[in-house]
Amino acid sequence: MTKDTESSVTDGSQNDTSDTLRFRQLIKGDIKQDSLREFVSYTADGDRITLVGAKSDVITLEMTSKASCHVPFPFIVACLDSPVNERPLDVLHVGVNLVDIYENCHVLEAQQLSLEPVYMTICSTEVPESRLVASQWSPQILSNGQMLLAALNTYGAITLLCKPAEHTHWSRLDGLNVSTTLRDTLLPVRNVSKIQNFKQFKAFIDRAWITMFTWRPANEPNAGHVLVLGTANGSLWSLTLSSDARTLLQHRVLNTSLNRICYMLAFEDLLLVGDVSGVVHLYRFNNDEESGLSLIRPVWEKADRMGLQKAIISRFTERECYYISLCKAANLLIWCIPWQEGNEWLHTRIYVGGMKITGLCTLDSTSFAVATSTSKLYRINLSQEDKKLTASMQPVAIDDCEDYQIIGLFSSRQRNLLTVLFHPNKEYAGNIYATSLRNQLKLRVGKIHNGNILTKLADTFQPNTPINQSTDLLAELRLELFATSKNLQKYINFHRLTAFQFDKEATESQQHQLQLKYHIMATIFHLRANLLWLTLQTEESHKEMQLLLAMLAMTHMRLRLKYLCSLKELSPFQKEAAQCMFAEAQRLKKLLLEDSRKGLDSPETENLPNSKGTHDRHCFQEAFVQQMKINFDDLHAQLGKDVIEIPEEEQPKRRCCVSYLQLPFSLDRRYCSQCSRPVLVDQEKLLQLYKPGSTLLCPCCHGSYALDLATA
């Protein structure tokens, strides 16, 4: 049962419930696109975006926190060099007498047969070029650590692509051809000689014509890839692929009452499916069913001929429900779906205006960003009271967009960054003489909130959660620092190095504070090294960074040695690692002490731009070294005679940044995906230095580790 809230059906002029918000732009960029459409972007997690505006080229955006101050674009743009132009359905035309079928068609059938390129490619003298229908990242990586993406064109060809993280080129993944596997292996054989009319021919082609797809969200980190296909006859195929995506392990099919499927959205265990007639159904992934899917209920049953182009599903934990939002022309239709079966569904709709909606994305559990064809941007807020769902609309001011049309929106994983995609409108495009400029897609990255990025980042540091899941927060921090490069004092004063206390036991909380300071200092050091008016401070920034890295290393080693002290017996690897840590601590203490004494004794220190700060740092270094000597002597006494100090080396060799053992020469390497610091390839050995159940994270930046294998 669905309860409609008719009172909430209002236009935008009646729903401006508060002052206008403002889109604060942090950076902008552009991407070449040869063919554009509404809802040009797609993202499942906010950090990995695909653009479907090109004719046949695959273009992706990958969020990065390593943008340069010279090119401060927070995305890595990647593309496929060769377009996706395959036509797997042409083989099915062989043996079919299309001339007789066309002559025996009535007017409407003849029109459909001649206007749909898929049905007539074998007879056409000029076959229309294929266009990109959809491209989506798999939520799981391949067994070799690379990313997986699938792309679909208008002729039903799905191409699997792969690339390492942060690389700029996609390559085709050989092995499994999804389209031909469906056509030749999964579908039952059909005798084409019995096809006598258009209805039979259409049914024969439509069952093998893939018109949309999506990836099933992964329940577990090591789960396989599940590709869900929608076909022109309304069937839903669930294909389970191997970890390297080269083999089909299992397939399931559900025949539905839908027409040609044009939209699919997977969220947790829900699957939203829309067809070209405008009907929308909601399914649930159900492994107990033979088909792997079960119909929950139709969401929109009116065949209004407006095929669904964009929808979003959000989870609202406080009320134990999901919100589903659909775009229908200039209307936003919203449902509240309780988790518990049998409870009443609530429904509302809101008229956004502007002819039609051209962009939609989630801002949080109960609010969305909506853009219209007239370049208006709104925030939609949901409220629920007394079994009544209402939606209100709040305008968001955005500058300098009079000559552009908004054709896409997406928010980042943590919903802190909002990216708006623009294209010149017809009037402005007519005045642009350069074709390359007319085919450019403009991107503006900004935010509409006023939250403190440092507070948000501090909350994300958790013991077994890598900072990689907060790439957008790190990107915002970097963009904020770039935007305020002439006023960095606010960030320099945050967690000042000289304010840290080390007279007590090392804690993970203190390590996380130092790691956050590292991300701030790394960006400030980058600015001072690259911007002319800041180069005078480069030397001092280098010294501060060396001190911070020493503090991070000492804190990490104290935590690891503290854990080893709690064990009754140490393995050979644990003993060797402990010895290397003590040697590294001794080396760092010596370097810091030499630097501080040299600085305190040098008369040039007083002539530096920030002489007081430099003097305070030197004094702190001396006190820090003395305290570390006490701390490490205490740890060595607790470990006893099993750990013998090894002689200090004059020149440190290339070492693992977790165990401080020397790294052997090898083409295989394991390294931090954020700061690139290397560790031993054997992760099981390194985990001997942590409590059982721990996740191996970089002690410097809290990033996860990537693995490059020479044989991959």
Foldseek 3Di string as FASTA:
>chain_A
DEAEDAVQAEAFVVFAPDAFFAWDFLDKDWDFADAAFFAQWDDDQFQKIWGQRHFFKTKIWGAFLPAALVGLDRTQIAIAPDGDFDQVLPVVCPPADVVQQLVPDDDVLVVVCVVQLLNCVVPDPDRDTKGWQDKYWFLADAPQQWTWMWTAIQNQWIWIWTDHPSDHYIDTDDADGPLVCVVPPVDDDDDNNPDRYSVSSCVNSQSSRFQDKDWADDPDRQAFTWIWTATQQGKIKTWTADRNRNDTDDMAMDHDPAGGWRDWDHDHQKIWTWHQQGWIWIWGQDPVDRRRIDTPGTPDDHRNRHTWDDKDWAADVVQQWIWIWTWDFQKIKIKTGHPDPPDYIYIYMYGHDQRGWREWEDQHRFWIWTAHQQGWIWIWGWDDDPNHIHIGIHTYDYPDCNQWGWRYWYAHNNSFKIKTKIAGDPVVLVVDPDPSNNSMIMITIGGRDDDDLLVVLLVPDDFFDFCVSVSVSSSVLLSVCSVVVVDCVVLCPQPPVLPDDDLDQQDVSVLSSLLSNLSSLVSNLSCLVPPPVNVLCNVVSVVSNLVSVLVLLLSLLSLLLVVVLPDPDDDPLSLQLNQLSVLVNVVSLVVLLVVLVVLVPDPCLVVRPCSVVSNSSSVSSVVVSVSSVVSVVVSDVSVPPSRDHDDHDPDQAQAASNSRDHEDDDPKWKAFPRPGRTHHPPVVSSCSSDDPPHADARSNNRGHMRIRDPVD
